[in-house]
Protein backbone atom coordinates (compact mmCIF):
# COMPACT_ATOMS: atom_id res chain seq x y z
CA MET A 1 -32.20 97.46 -29.58
CA GLU A 2 -33.96 94.70 -31.49
CA VAL A 3 -31.71 91.76 -32.26
CA GLU A 4 -32.31 89.42 -35.18
CA SER A 5 -32.99 85.81 -34.37
CA GLY A 6 -30.30 83.58 -35.80
CA LYS A 7 -27.99 86.49 -36.67
CA ILE A 8 -24.34 86.22 -35.60
CA TYR A 9 -22.84 89.21 -33.77
CA ALA A 10 -19.57 89.89 -31.98
CA VAL A 11 -19.22 91.20 -28.44
CA ILE A 12 -15.84 92.56 -27.40
CA THR A 13 -15.00 92.73 -23.71
CA GLY A 14 -11.82 94.30 -22.40
CA ASP A 15 -10.09 95.45 -19.24
CA ILE A 16 -7.01 97.52 -18.49
CA VAL A 17 -3.84 95.62 -17.68
CA GLY A 18 -2.36 96.58 -14.30
CA SER A 19 -4.86 99.37 -13.65
CA SER A 20 -4.66 98.81 -9.89
CA LYS A 21 -1.02 99.92 -9.97
CA LEU A 22 -1.81 103.30 -11.55
CA LYS A 23 -1.44 106.45 -9.51
CA PRO A 24 -4.58 108.56 -8.87
CA THR A 25 -3.52 111.05 -11.55
CA GLU A 26 -2.95 108.21 -14.01
CA ARG A 27 -6.35 106.69 -13.23
CA LYS A 28 -7.99 110.04 -13.93
CA GLU A 29 -6.10 110.22 -17.22
CA LEU A 30 -7.19 106.65 -17.99
CA HIS A 31 -10.86 107.50 -17.41
CA THR A 32 -10.62 110.44 -19.81
CA ALA A 33 -8.74 108.36 -22.38
CA LEU A 34 -11.33 105.55 -22.25
CA LYS A 35 -14.17 108.00 -22.83
CA ASP A 36 -12.32 109.69 -25.69
CA THR A 37 -11.42 106.35 -27.26
CA SER A 38 -15.04 105.22 -27.05
CA ASP A 39 -16.28 108.44 -28.67
CA LYS A 40 -13.74 108.18 -31.48
CA LEU A 41 -14.55 104.54 -32.14
CA MET A 42 -18.29 105.23 -32.42
CA GLY A 43 -17.63 108.20 -34.65
CA PHE A 44 -15.41 106.29 -37.05
CA PHE A 45 -17.28 102.95 -37.01
CA ARG A 46 -20.89 104.08 -36.58
CA GLN A 47 -22.32 101.40 -38.88
CA LEU A 48 -20.39 98.63 -37.13
CA VAL A 49 -20.74 99.91 -33.55
CA PRO A 50 -24.30 101.29 -33.30
CA LEU A 51 -24.46 101.52 -29.50
CA LYS A 52 -22.39 103.45 -26.98
CA VAL A 53 -19.38 101.61 -25.62
CA ASP A 54 -20.09 100.55 -22.05
CA ILE A 55 -17.34 101.47 -19.57
CA PHE A 56 -17.78 99.94 -16.12
CA ARG A 57 -15.84 99.29 -12.91
CA GLY A 58 -13.50 102.09 -13.95
CA ASP A 59 -11.22 99.90 -16.07
CA SER A 60 -13.46 97.53 -18.04
CA TRP A 61 -15.34 98.07 -21.30
CA GLN A 62 -17.65 96.24 -23.65
CA LEU A 63 -19.07 96.88 -27.09
CA LEU A 64 -21.21 95.30 -29.79
CA VAL A 65 -19.97 94.76 -33.35
CA MET A 66 -22.60 94.15 -36.00
CA ASP A 67 -20.22 92.33 -38.36
CA PRO A 68 -17.99 89.80 -36.56
CA ALA A 69 -15.53 89.82 -39.47
CA GLN A 70 -14.57 93.39 -38.48
CA SER A 71 -14.30 92.67 -34.76
CA LEU A 72 -10.51 92.42 -34.70
CA ARG A 73 -10.11 95.74 -36.53
CA ILE A 74 -12.54 97.37 -34.07
CA GLY A 75 -10.88 95.88 -30.99
CA LEU A 76 -7.38 96.69 -32.22
CA PHE A 77 -8.41 100.28 -32.96
CA PHE A 78 -9.65 100.61 -29.37
CA ARG A 79 -6.34 99.25 -28.11
CA ALA A 80 -4.18 101.38 -30.41
CA PHE A 81 -6.04 104.63 -29.87
CA LEU A 82 -6.06 104.14 -26.10
CA ARG A 83 -2.32 103.40 -26.09
CA GLY A 84 -1.73 106.54 -28.13
CA LYS A 85 -3.82 108.67 -25.78
CA MET A 86 -2.29 107.41 -22.54
CA LYS A 87 1.31 108.19 -23.49
CA SER A 88 2.49 105.39 -21.22
CA LYS A 89 3.79 102.06 -22.46
CA ARG A 90 2.59 100.51 -19.18
CA VAL A 91 -1.08 101.05 -20.08
CA ASP A 92 -2.67 98.42 -22.30
CA THR A 93 -5.96 96.58 -22.56
CA ARG A 94 -6.89 92.94 -22.91
CA ILE A 95 -9.40 92.10 -25.65
CA SER A 96 -11.82 89.17 -25.78
CA ILE A 97 -13.98 88.65 -28.87
CA GLY A 98 -17.08 86.50 -28.42
CA VAL A 99 -18.93 85.49 -31.59
CA GLY A 100 -22.48 84.15 -31.55
CA SER A 101 -26.14 84.95 -31.15
CA ILE A 102 -27.61 87.58 -28.82
CA ASP A 103 -30.81 87.23 -26.80
CA ILE A 104 -31.03 90.61 -25.04
CA MET A 105 -29.39 93.89 -26.08
CA PRO A 106 -30.35 96.88 -23.87
CA GLU A 107 -29.26 100.17 -25.46
CA GLU A 108 -28.58 101.91 -22.16
CA SER A 109 -26.08 99.35 -20.87
CA ILE A 110 -24.45 96.83 -23.16
CA SER A 111 -22.90 94.98 -20.22
CA SER A 112 -26.45 94.04 -19.16
CA GLY A 113 -26.99 92.14 -22.39
CA ASP A 114 -27.22 88.38 -22.64
CA GLY A 115 -26.70 85.66 -25.18
CA GLU A 116 -24.11 83.38 -26.66
CA ALA A 117 -21.74 86.15 -27.79
CA PHE A 118 -21.79 87.78 -24.33
CA ARG A 119 -21.11 84.56 -22.48
CA LEU A 120 -18.29 83.50 -24.77
CA SER A 121 -16.64 86.92 -24.61
CA GLY A 122 -16.75 87.08 -20.81
CA GLU A 123 -15.59 83.50 -20.30
CA ALA A 124 -12.72 83.88 -22.75
CA LEU A 125 -11.50 87.05 -21.02
CA GLU A 126 -11.44 85.20 -17.70
CA SER A 127 -9.42 82.38 -19.28
CA LEU A 128 -6.69 84.63 -20.72
CA SER A 129 -3.24 83.84 -19.40
CA ARG A 130 -0.73 86.53 -18.48
CA THR A 131 1.21 85.86 -21.65
CA HIS A 132 -1.64 86.85 -24.00
CA ARG A 133 -3.90 89.89 -24.26
CA MET A 134 -6.21 89.00 -27.16
CA ILE A 135 -8.49 86.01 -27.64
CA ILE A 136 -11.48 84.90 -29.71
CA SER A 137 -14.17 82.39 -28.79
CA LEU A 138 -16.76 80.84 -31.11
CA PRO A 139 -19.68 78.50 -30.35
CA GLN A 140 -19.24 74.84 -31.19
CA SER A 141 -21.58 75.24 -34.16
CA LEU A 142 -19.06 77.58 -35.82
CA ILE A 143 -15.84 75.79 -34.91
CA SER A 144 -13.85 74.85 -38.00
CA ASN A 145 -10.26 74.28 -39.06
CA ASN A 146 -9.93 78.04 -39.51
CA HIS A 147 -10.66 78.67 -35.85
CA GLN A 148 -7.15 77.74 -34.76
CA ALA A 149 -5.70 80.01 -37.45
CA LEU A 150 -7.75 82.94 -36.13
CA ASP A 151 -6.33 82.37 -32.65
CA VAL A 152 -2.80 82.29 -34.05
CA ILE A 153 -3.42 85.58 -35.91
CA LEU A 154 -4.55 87.22 -32.67
CA LYS A 155 -1.51 85.97 -30.78
CA LEU A 156 0.91 87.21 -33.43
CA ILE A 157 -0.69 90.65 -33.66
CA ASP A 158 -0.78 90.81 -29.86
CA ALA A 159 2.96 90.13 -29.72
CA LEU A 160 3.58 93.12 -32.01
CA ALA A 161 1.13 95.40 -30.21
CA ARG A 162 2.74 94.85 -26.82
CA ASP A 163 5.86 96.72 -27.94
CA TRP A 164 4.15 99.72 -29.52
CA THR A 165 5.30 103.15 -28.43
CA GLU A 166 2.77 105.96 -28.08
CA LYS A 167 3.62 107.26 -31.57
CA GLN A 168 3.49 103.81 -33.16
CA ALA A 169 0.08 103.14 -31.58
CA HIS A 170 -1.25 106.45 -32.89
CA ALA A 171 0.03 105.72 -36.40
CA VAL A 172 -1.58 102.27 -36.32
CA SER A 173 -4.92 103.72 -35.17
CA GLY A 174 -4.91 105.90 -38.30
CA ALA A 175 -3.94 102.98 -40.52
CA LEU A 176 -6.82 100.95 -39.05
CA LEU A 177 -9.15 103.67 -40.35
CA GLU A 178 -7.53 103.12 -43.77
CA TYR A 179 -6.08 106.63 -43.74
CA THR A 180 -3.20 107.34 -46.09
CA GLN A 181 0.13 108.09 -44.48
CA GLU A 182 -0.30 111.72 -45.53
CA LYS A 183 -3.68 111.93 -43.76
CA ILE A 184 -2.27 110.31 -40.62
CA ALA A 185 0.52 112.89 -40.66
CA ARG A 186 -1.98 115.77 -40.94
CA SER A 187 -4.16 114.45 -38.12
CA TRP A 188 -1.34 113.93 -35.60
CA PHE A 189 -2.11 114.66 -31.93
CA GLU A 190 0.13 117.60 -31.12
CA ARG A 191 1.18 118.86 -34.53
CA GLU A 192 1.44 117.72 -38.12
CA ILE A 193 4.42 115.48 -38.81
CA SER A 194 6.00 114.25 -42.03
CA GLN A 195 4.73 111.34 -44.09
CA GLN A 196 8.19 109.78 -43.75
CA ALA A 197 7.88 109.84 -39.95
CA VAL A 198 4.48 108.11 -40.15
CA ALA A 199 5.94 105.45 -42.46
CA GLN A 200 8.72 104.84 -39.97
CA HIS A 201 6.30 104.49 -37.05
CA LEU A 202 4.13 102.04 -39.00
CA ASP A 203 7.14 100.01 -40.08
CA ARG A 204 8.42 99.69 -36.52
CA ALA A 205 4.91 98.82 -35.29
CA GLY A 206 4.79 95.87 -37.71
CA TRP A 207 1.86 97.31 -39.66
CA ASN A 208 2.50 95.38 -42.89
CA ALA A 209 2.24 92.06 -41.07
CA ILE A 210 -0.73 93.29 -39.00
CA GLU A 211 -2.65 94.32 -42.12
CA ILE A 212 -2.15 90.89 -43.66
CA GLY A 213 -3.41 89.30 -40.44
CA LEU A 214 -6.45 91.58 -40.30
CA ASN A 215 -7.45 90.72 -43.85
CA TYR A 216 -7.01 86.99 -43.26
CA PHE A 217 -9.04 87.23 -40.05
CA ALA A 218 -11.87 89.16 -41.73
CA ASN A 219 -12.09 86.85 -44.75
CA SER A 220 -11.91 83.66 -42.68
CA LEU A 221 -14.42 84.72 -40.03
CA SER A 222 -16.79 85.99 -42.72
CA GLY A 223 -16.69 82.58 -44.35
CA ILE A 224 -17.30 80.81 -41.04
CA THR A 225 -20.23 82.98 -39.95
CA HIS A 226 -21.92 83.03 -43.36
CA LYS A 227 -22.02 79.24 -43.42
CA SER A 228 -24.42 79.45 -40.48
CA ASP A 229 -26.93 81.61 -42.40
């Protein structure tokens, strides 16, 4: 893939929390869930995620986002859909968003890419403490007063996401696609459920607060990255 010189991208790197403690059957389920989550993400966000999500080492993944402002929505969808597929509250993923330029972007293996966004994403993931599962890292040239606010948004959304049940995570994944509650109800995993049940799942998942955070993140990061153009 040809990358544009001077263009700002986002690279999201993630790994599964506590994957080494999973039983063989759970690891097999995880592998299937990761593949399915990757396929769904590319299908729903084709314009934003043009290349196949790279899954490596069995429990790590990486993807490219063309518009950094949408990186949190993309990463959170991956997390929510995976949580909904795994049916186990123990399974979760860490998410590290690196924003910056890209030097090399091989289509066959994103994890072989190189550039500012890759380095920042990988380094930030390594720096994550046990108390947090989402982080963003920007180059010094893009650091502004809004940067700290973006980090706070991630931490607050992370705190809500940690307590999601399988059903709440599935409802949130539909909301992240901007589905109506009726459409989420019709597209439920096992069988159609009521719109009232979807509303209840979203309420308990903290969706109203999450949506506000997502919009603030997108608007703020768009303003930061466009200043560099």
